[in-house]
Amino acid sequence: MARIIDYETQNVVGEKVRKYRIERKLSQRELSEKLEMYAIYICRGSISRIESHERTVTDFELKAMAEILKVSIEELFEDPSD
């Protein structure tokens, strides 16, 4: 039996990643390149899927993204309407 995964409920940080990335004037490609400095290899397309809730984010990816975006991990979990 196929398992259905609702990524929207599995990835609650996507909108905040997009918001802070745009505020920092980073393209998806630039965020991808900065993640490589943390030995995290996520292509631009995967960044897009994270931001649109189509891909989950691991704990170590989340930590690196928060550092690159200069926000706390908690800020990435705040309600996107804030």
PDB file of N, CA and C in Angstrom:
ATOM      1  N   MET A   1       0.839  -1.169   0.000  1.00  0.00           N
ATOM      2  CA  MET A   1       0.000   0.000   0.000  1.00  0.00           C
ATOM      3  C   MET A   1       0.893   1.244   0.000  1.00  0.00           C
ATOM      4  N   ALA A   2       0.577   2.183  -0.851  1.00  0.00           N
ATOM      5  CA  ALA A   2       1.354   3.420  -0.954  1.00  0.00           C
ATOM      6  C   ALA A   2       1.089   4.303   0.254  1.00  0.00           C
ATOM      7  N   ARG A   3       2.123   4.934   0.710  1.00  0.00           N
ATOM      8  CA  ARG A   3       2.005   5.851   1.836  1.00  0.00           C
ATOM      9  C   ARG A   3       1.843   7.257   1.286  1.00  0.00           C
ATOM     10  N   ILE A   4       0.832   7.945   1.752  1.00  0.00           N
ATOM     11  CA  ILE A   4       0.586   9.314   1.311  1.00  0.00           C
ATOM     12  C   ILE A   4       1.165  10.257   2.353  1.00  0.00           C
ATOM     13  N   ILE A   5       2.021  11.144   1.902  1.00  0.00           N
ATOM     14  CA  ILE A   5       2.652  12.102   2.805  1.00  0.00           C
ATOM     15  C   ILE A   5       2.133  13.486   2.475  1.00  0.00           C
ATOM     16  N   ASP A   6       1.605  14.146   3.477  1.00  0.00           N
ATOM     17  CA  ASP A   6       1.153  15.527   3.317  1.00  0.00           C
ATOM     18  C   ASP A   6       2.320  16.427   3.713  1.00  0.00           C
ATOM     19  N   TYR A   7       3.108  16.845   2.719  1.00  0.00           N
ATOM     20  CA  TYR A   7       4.301  17.628   3.015  1.00  0.00           C
ATOM     21  C   TYR A   7       3.970  18.980   3.622  1.00  0.00           C
ATOM     22  N   GLU A   8       2.773  19.497   3.364  1.00  0.00           N
ATOM     23  CA  GLU A   8       2.407  20.796   3.940  1.00  0.00           C
ATOM     24  C   GLU A   8       2.419  20.726   5.460  1.00  0.00           C
ATOM     25  N   THR A   9       2.025  19.579   6.023  1.00  0.00           N
ATOM     26  CA  THR A   9       2.049  19.452   7.479  1.00  0.00           C
ATOM     27  C   THR A   9       3.399  18.938   7.968  1.00  0.00           C
ATOM     28  N   GLN A  10       4.219  18.411   7.076  1.00  0.00           N
ATOM     29  CA  GLN A  10       5.536  17.912   7.450  1.00  0.00           C
ATOM     30  C   GLN A  10       6.610  18.993   7.357  1.00  0.00           C
ATOM     31  N   ASN A  11       6.337  20.039   6.613  1.00  0.00           N
ATOM     32  CA  ASN A  11       7.300  21.127   6.426  1.00  0.00           C
ATOM     33  C   ASN A  11       6.598  22.435   6.760  1.00  0.00           C
ATOM     34  N   VAL A  12       6.843  22.932   7.958  1.00  0.00           N
ATOM     35  CA  VAL A  12       6.179  24.168   8.388  1.00  0.00           C
ATOM     36  C   VAL A  12       7.091  25.383   8.259  1.00  0.00           C
ATOM     37  N   VAL A  13       8.305  25.194   7.754  1.00  0.00           N
ATOM     38  CA  VAL A  13       9.270  26.297   7.691  1.00  0.00           C
ATOM     39  C   VAL A  13       9.449  26.877   6.293  1.00  0.00           C
ATOM     40  N   GLY A  14       8.873  26.261   5.290  1.00  0.00           N
ATOM     41  CA  GLY A  14       9.119  26.668   3.901  1.00  0.00           C
ATOM     42  C   GLY A  14       8.856  28.128   3.609  1.00  0.00           C
ATOM     43  N   GLU A  15       7.703  28.630   4.062  1.00  0.00           N
ATOM     44  CA  GLU A  15       7.365  30.029   3.787  1.00  0.00           C
ATOM     45  C   GLU A  15       8.336  30.982   4.471  1.00  0.00           C
ATOM     46  N   LYS A  16       8.762  30.635   5.680  1.00  0.00           N
ATOM     47  CA  LYS A  16       9.711  31.495   6.400  1.00  0.00           C
ATOM     48  C   LYS A  16      11.091  31.455   5.755  1.00  0.00           C
ATOM     49  N   VAL A  17      11.500  30.297   5.262  1.00  0.00           N
ATOM     50  CA  VAL A  17      12.777  30.216   4.549  1.00  0.00           C
ATOM     51  C   VAL A  17      12.734  31.162   3.354  1.00  0.00           C
ATOM     52  N   ARG A  18      11.651  31.114   2.589  1.00  0.00           N
ATOM     53  CA  ARG A  18      11.502  32.001   1.424  1.00  0.00           C
ATOM     54  C   ARG A  18      11.519  33.470   1.866  1.00  0.00           C
ATOM     55  N   LYS A  19      10.748  33.799   2.891  1.00  0.00           N
ATOM     56  CA  LYS A  19      10.658  35.184   3.371  1.00  0.00           C
ATOM     57  C   LYS A  19      12.035  35.727   3.747  1.00  0.00           C
ATOM     58  N   TYR A  20      12.756  34.989   4.591  1.00  0.00           N
ATOM     59  CA  TYR A  20      14.063  35.474   5.044  1.00  0.00           C
ATOM     60  C   TYR A  20      15.099  35.447   3.920  1.00  0.00           C
ATOM     61  N   ARG A  21      15.011  34.479   3.024  1.00  0.00           N
ATOM     62  CA  ARG A  21      15.944  34.436   1.887  1.00  0.00           C
ATOM     63  C   ARG A  21      15.771  35.683   1.027  1.00  0.00           C
ATOM     64  N   ILE A  22      14.536  36.041   0.749  1.00  0.00           N
ATOM     65  CA  ILE A  22      14.268  37.227  -0.070  1.00  0.00           C
ATOM     66  C   ILE A  22      14.686  38.494   0.666  1.00  0.00           C
ATOM     67  N   GLU A  23      14.402  38.571   1.977  1.00  0.00           N
ATOM     68  CA  GLU A  23      14.826  39.738   2.763  1.00  0.00           C
ATOM     69  C   GLU A  23      16.340  39.905   2.738  1.00  0.00           C
ATOM     70  N   ARG A  24      17.078  38.790   2.692  1.00  0.00           N
ATOM     71  CA  ARG A  24      18.548  38.836   2.675  1.00  0.00           C
ATOM     72  C   ARG A  24      19.089  38.988   1.256  1.00  0.00           C
ATOM     73  N   LYS A  25      18.165  39.138   0.296  1.00  0.00           N
ATOM     74  CA  LYS A  25      18.528  39.322  -1.115  1.00  0.00           C
ATOM     75  C   LYS A  25      19.373  38.162  -1.649  1.00  0.00           C
ATOM     76  N   LEU A  26      18.991  36.951  -1.261  1.00  0.00           N
ATOM     77  CA  LEU A  26      19.665  35.746  -1.745  1.00  0.00           C
ATOM     78  C   LEU A  26      18.764  35.043  -2.751  1.00  0.00           C
ATOM     79  N   SER A  27      19.341  34.589  -3.838  1.00  0.00           N
ATOM     80  CA  SER A  27      18.593  33.746  -4.767  1.00  0.00           C
ATOM     81  C   SER A  27      18.581  32.323  -4.202  1.00  0.00           C
ATOM     82  N   GLN A  28      17.728  31.494  -4.750  1.00  0.00           N
ATOM     83  CA  GLN A  28      17.719  30.093  -4.333  1.00  0.00           C
ATOM     84  C   GLN A  28      19.070  29.456  -4.625  1.00  0.00           C
ATOM     85  N   ARG A  29      19.668  29.797  -5.741  1.00  0.00           N
ATOM     86  CA  ARG A  29      20.987  29.260  -6.091  1.00  0.00           C
ATOM     87  C   ARG A  29      22.047  29.710  -5.074  1.00  0.00           C
ATOM     88  N   GLU A  30      21.996  30.975  -4.663  1.00  0.00           N
ATOM     89  CA  GLU A  30      22.971  31.471  -3.685  1.00  0.00           C
ATOM     90  C   GLU A  30      22.801  30.774  -2.340  1.00  0.00           C
ATOM     91  N   LEU A  31      21.561  30.541  -1.923  1.00  0.00           N
ATOM     92  CA  LEU A  31      21.336  29.802  -0.681  1.00  0.00           C
ATOM     93  C   LEU A  31      21.894  28.390  -0.817  1.00  0.00           C
ATOM     94  N   SER A  32      21.667  27.770  -1.948  1.00  0.00           N
ATOM     95  CA  SER A  32      22.202  26.436  -2.209  1.00  0.00           C
ATOM     96  C   SER A  32      23.729  26.424  -2.099  1.00  0.00           C
ATOM     97  N   GLU A  33      24.374  27.429  -2.688  1.00  0.00           N
ATOM     98  CA  GLU A  33      25.840  27.513  -2.648  1.00  0.00           C
ATOM     99  C   GLU A  33      26.342  27.738  -1.225  1.00  0.00           C
ATOM    100  N   LYS A  34      25.651  28.558  -0.448  1.00  0.00           N
ATOM    101  CA  LYS A  34      26.063  28.798   0.939  1.00  0.00           C
ATOM    102  C   LYS A  34      25.904  27.536   1.784  1.00  0.00           C
ATOM    103  N   LEU A  35      24.876  26.747   1.498  1.00  0.00           N
ATOM    104  CA  LEU A  35      24.684  25.489   2.226  1.00  0.00           C
ATOM    105  C   LEU A  35      25.833  24.524   1.969  1.00  0.00           C
ATOM    106  N   GLU A  36      26.444  24.602   0.783  1.00  0.00           N
ATOM    107  CA  GLU A  36      27.586  23.733   0.471  1.00  0.00           C
ATOM    108  C   GLU A  36      28.748  23.978   1.427  1.00  0.00           C
ATOM    109  N   MET A  37      28.872  25.193   1.962  1.00  0.00           N
ATOM    110  CA  MET A  37      29.940  25.484   2.925  1.00  0.00           C
ATOM    111  C   MET A  37      29.718  24.726   4.233  1.00  0.00           C
ATOM    112  N   TYR A  38      28.503  24.232   4.440  1.00  0.00           N
ATOM    113  CA  TYR A  38      28.173  23.416   5.610  1.00  0.00           C
ATOM    114  C   TYR A  38      28.144  21.930   5.238  1.00  0.00           C
ATOM    115  N   ALA A  39      28.645  21.605   4.050  1.00  0.00           N
ATOM    116  CA  ALA A  39      28.635  20.232   3.524  1.00  0.00           C
ATOM    117  C   ALA A  39      27.211  19.713   3.365  1.00  0.00           C
ATOM    118  N   ILE A  40      26.305  20.629   2.998  1.00  0.00           N
ATOM    119  CA  ILE A  40      24.913  20.274   2.722  1.00  0.00           C
ATOM    120  C   ILE A  40      24.675  20.579   1.254  1.00  0.00           C
ATOM    121  N   TYR A  41      24.340  19.562   0.511  1.00  0.00           N
ATOM    122  CA  TYR A  41      24.198  19.711  -0.936  1.00  0.00           C
ATOM    123  C   TYR A  41      22.721  19.626  -1.318  1.00  0.00           C
ATOM    124  N   ILE A  42      22.119  20.795  -1.445  1.00  0.00           N
ATOM    125  CA  ILE A  42      20.715  20.922  -1.843  1.00  0.00           C
ATOM    126  C   ILE A  42      20.704  21.793  -3.090  1.00  0.00           C
ATOM    127  N   CYS A  43      20.201  21.260  -4.179  1.00  0.00           N
ATOM    128  CA  CYS A  43      20.176  22.032  -5.424  1.00  0.00           C
ATOM    129  C   CYS A  43      19.104  23.124  -5.361  1.00  0.00           C
ATOM    130  N   ARG A  44      19.171  24.046  -6.312  1.00  0.00           N
ATOM    131  CA  ARG A  44      18.215  25.148  -6.370  1.00  0.00           C
ATOM    132  C   ARG A  44      16.785  24.626  -6.442  1.00  0.00           C
ATOM    133  N   GLY A  45      16.576  23.573  -7.210  1.00  0.00           N
ATOM    134  CA  GLY A  45      15.244  22.989  -7.331  1.00  0.00           C
ATOM    135  C   GLY A  45      14.715  22.465  -6.009  1.00  0.00           C
ATOM    136  N   SER A  46      15.592  21.901  -5.202  1.00  0.00           N
ATOM    137  CA  SER A  46      15.171  21.407  -3.888  1.00  0.00           C
ATOM    138  C   SER A  46      14.849  22.560  -2.947  1.00  0.00           C
ATOM    139  N   ILE A  47      15.582  23.665  -3.060  1.00  0.00           N
ATOM    140  CA  ILE A  47      15.247  24.862  -2.273  1.00  0.00           C
ATOM    141  C   ILE A  47      13.831  25.305  -2.645  1.00  0.00           C
ATOM    142  N   SER A  48      13.533  25.314  -3.922  1.00  0.00           N
ATOM    143  CA  SER A  48      12.195  25.681  -4.389  1.00  0.00           C
ATOM    144  C   SER A  48      11.139  24.750  -3.799  1.00  0.00           C
ATOM    145  N   ARG A  49      11.426  23.456  -3.783  1.00  0.00           N
ATOM    146  CA  ARG A  49      10.466  22.493  -3.232  1.00  0.00           C
ATOM    147  C   ARG A  49      10.305  22.662  -1.725  1.00  0.00           C
ATOM    148  N   ILE A  50      11.376  23.014  -1.025  1.00  0.00           N
ATOM    149  CA  ILE A  50      11.266  23.291   0.411  1.00  0.00           C
ATOM    150  C   ILE A  50      10.343  24.484   0.625  1.00  0.00           C
ATOM    151  N   GLU A  51      10.573  25.538  -0.144  1.00  0.00           N
ATOM    152  CA  GLU A  51       9.791  26.761   0.024  1.00  0.00           C
ATOM    153  C   GLU A  51       8.323  26.571  -0.339  1.00  0.00           C
ATOM    154  N   SER A  52       8.024  25.607  -1.186  1.00  0.00           N
ATOM    155  CA  SER A  52       6.626  25.363  -1.558  1.00  0.00           C
ATOM    156  C   SER A  52       6.062  24.113  -0.866  1.00  0.00           C
ATOM    157  N   HIS A  53       6.710  23.699   0.215  1.00  0.00           N
ATOM    158  CA  HIS A  53       6.243  22.599   1.076  1.00  0.00           C
ATOM    159  C   HIS A  53       6.206  21.249   0.372  1.00  0.00           C
ATOM    160  N   GLU A  54       7.007  21.056  -0.646  1.00  0.00           N
ATOM    161  CA  GLU A  54       7.026  19.787  -1.366  1.00  0.00           C
ATOM    162  C   GLU A  54       8.185  18.900  -0.937  1.00  0.00           C
ATOM    163  N   ARG A  55       9.043  19.409  -0.048  1.00  0.00           N
ATOM    164  CA  ARG A  55      10.195  18.644   0.444  1.00  0.00           C
ATOM    165  C   ARG A  55      10.369  18.961   1.919  1.00  0.00           C
ATOM    166  N   THR A  56      10.649  17.946   2.693  1.00  0.00           N
ATOM    167  CA  THR A  56      10.894  18.168   4.114  1.00  0.00           C
ATOM    168  C   THR A  56      12.319  18.684   4.318  1.00  0.00           C
ATOM    169  N   VAL A  57      12.588  19.150   5.524  1.00  0.00           N
ATOM    170  CA  VAL A  57      13.897  19.701   5.870  1.00  0.00           C
ATOM    171  C   VAL A  57      14.429  18.916   7.061  1.00  0.00           C
ATOM    172  N   THR A  58      15.664  18.455   6.970  1.00  0.00           N
ATOM    173  CA  THR A  58      16.260  17.726   8.093  1.00  0.00           C
ATOM    174  C   THR A  58      16.718  18.715   9.156  1.00  0.00           C
ATOM    175  N   ASP A  59      16.997  18.193  10.330  1.00  0.00           N
ATOM    176  CA  ASP A  59      17.423  19.056  11.426  1.00  0.00           C
ATOM    177  C   ASP A  59      18.734  19.777  11.112  1.00  0.00           C
ATOM    178  N   PHE A  60      19.695  19.093  10.533  1.00  0.00           N
ATOM    179  CA  PHE A  60      20.969  19.756  10.244  1.00  0.00           C
ATOM    180  C   PHE A  60      20.842  20.751   9.094  1.00  0.00           C
ATOM    181  N   GLU A  61      19.939  20.495   8.141  1.00  0.00           N
ATOM    182  CA  GLU A  61      19.685  21.474   7.077  1.00  0.00           C
ATOM    183  C   GLU A  61      19.047  22.726   7.673  1.00  0.00           C
ATOM    184  N   LEU A  62      18.108  22.520   8.576  1.00  0.00           N
ATOM    185  CA  LEU A  62      17.408  23.634   9.217  1.00  0.00           C
ATOM    186  C   LEU A  62      18.381  24.506  10.011  1.00  0.00           C
ATOM    187  N   LYS A  63      19.280  23.878  10.745  1.00  0.00           N
ATOM    188  CA  LYS A  63      20.270  24.621  11.532  1.00  0.00           C
ATOM    189  C   LYS A  63      21.152  25.470  10.618  1.00  0.00           C
ATOM    190  N   ALA A  64      21.617  24.896   9.529  1.00  0.00           N
ATOM    191  CA  ALA A  64      22.471  25.634   8.593  1.00  0.00           C
ATOM    192  C   ALA A  64      21.704  26.771   7.930  1.00  0.00           C
ATOM    193  N   MET A  65      20.464  26.517   7.526  1.00  0.00           N
ATOM    194  CA  MET A  65      19.660  27.575   6.904  1.00  0.00           C
ATOM    195  C   MET A  65      19.462  28.739   7.865  1.00  0.00           C
ATOM    196  N   ALA A  66      19.171  28.431   9.116  1.00  0.00           N
ATOM    197  CA  ALA A  66      18.982  29.490  10.109  1.00  0.00           C
ATOM    198  C   ALA A  66      20.257  30.319  10.250  1.00  0.00           C
ATOM    199  N   GLU A  67      21.403  29.670  10.304  1.00  0.00           N
ATOM    200  CA  GLU A  67      22.669  30.402  10.422  1.00  0.00           C
ATOM    201  C   GLU A  67      22.914  31.277   9.196  1.00  0.00           C
ATOM    202  N   ILE A  68      22.694  30.741   8.017  1.00  0.00           N
ATOM    203  CA  ILE A  68      22.910  31.496   6.779  1.00  0.00           C
ATOM    204  C   ILE A  68      21.957  32.683   6.704  1.00  0.00           C
ATOM    205  N   LEU A  69      20.701  32.461   7.093  1.00  0.00           N
ATOM    206  CA  LEU A  69      19.690  33.518   7.020  1.00  0.00           C
ATOM    207  C   LEU A  69      19.749  34.467   8.217  1.00  0.00           C
ATOM    208  N   LYS A  70      20.634  34.152   9.182  1.00  0.00           N
ATOM    209  CA  LYS A  70      20.839  34.988  10.369  1.00  0.00           C
ATOM    210  C   LYS A  70      19.550  35.167  11.171  1.00  0.00           C
ATOM    211  N   VAL A  71      18.889  34.030  11.404  1.00  0.00           N
ATOM    212  CA  VAL A  71      17.697  33.987  12.246  1.00  0.00           C
ATOM    213  C   VAL A  71      17.825  32.785  13.172  1.00  0.00           C
ATOM    214  N   SER A  72      17.011  32.765  14.207  1.00  0.00           N
ATOM    215  CA  SER A  72      17.002  31.594  15.083  1.00  0.00           C
ATOM    216  C   SER A  72      16.143  30.505  14.442  1.00  0.00           C
ATOM    217  N   ILE A  73      16.378  29.296  14.861  1.00  0.00           N
ATOM    218  CA  ILE A  73      15.549  28.195  14.371  1.00  0.00           C
ATOM    219  C   ILE A  73      14.093  28.451  14.749  1.00  0.00           C
ATOM    220  N   GLU A  74      13.876  28.996  15.938  1.00  0.00           N
ATOM    221  CA  GLU A  74      12.517  29.284  16.391  1.00  0.00           C
ATOM    222  C   GLU A  74      11.799  30.236  15.441  1.00  0.00           C
ATOM    223  N   GLU A  75      12.521  31.219  14.911  1.00  0.00           N
ATOM    224  CA  GLU A  75      11.904  32.172  13.982  1.00  0.00           C
ATOM    225  C   GLU A  75      11.407  31.479  12.717  1.00  0.00           C
ATOM    226  N   LEU A  76      12.076  30.426  12.306  1.00  0.00           N
ATOM    227  CA  LEU A  76      11.640  29.696  11.117  1.00  0.00           C
ATOM    228  C   LEU A  76      10.338  28.937  11.370  1.00  0.00           C
ATOM    229  N   PHE A  77      10.021  28.694  12.642  1.00  0.00           N
ATOM    230  CA  PHE A  77       8.798  27.979  12.989  1.00  0.00           C
ATOM    231  C   PHE A  77       7.626  28.904  13.299  1.00  0.00           C
ATOM    232  N   GLU A  78       7.861  30.212  13.317  1.00  0.00           N
ATOM    233  CA  GLU A  78       6.778  31.144  13.617  1.00  0.00           C
ATOM    234  C   GLU A  78       5.724  31.100  12.524  1.00  0.00           C
ATOM    235  N   ASP A  79       4.522  31.485  12.875  1.00  0.00           N
ATOM    236  CA  ASP A  79       3.400  31.523  11.929  1.00  0.00           C
ATOM    237  C   ASP A  79       3.764  32.417  10.755  1.00  0.00           C
ATOM    238  N   PRO A  80       3.628  31.925   9.518  1.00  0.00           N
ATOM    239  CA  PRO A  80       4.002  32.716   8.336  1.00  0.00           C
ATOM    240  C   PRO A  80       3.249  34.034   8.209  1.00  0.00           C
ATOM    241  N   SER A  81       2.089  34.146   8.831  1.00  0.00           N
ATOM    242  CA  SER A  81       1.323  35.394   8.730  1.00  0.00           C
ATOM    243  C   SER A  81       1.863  36.476   9.649  1.00  0.00           C
ATOM    244  N   ASP A  82       2.834  36.128  10.507  1.00  0.00           N
ATOM    245  CA  ASP A  82       3.443  37.133  11.417  1.00  0.00           C
ATOM    246  C   ASP A  82       4.324  38.087  10.656  1.00  0.00           C
TER     247      ASP A  82
END
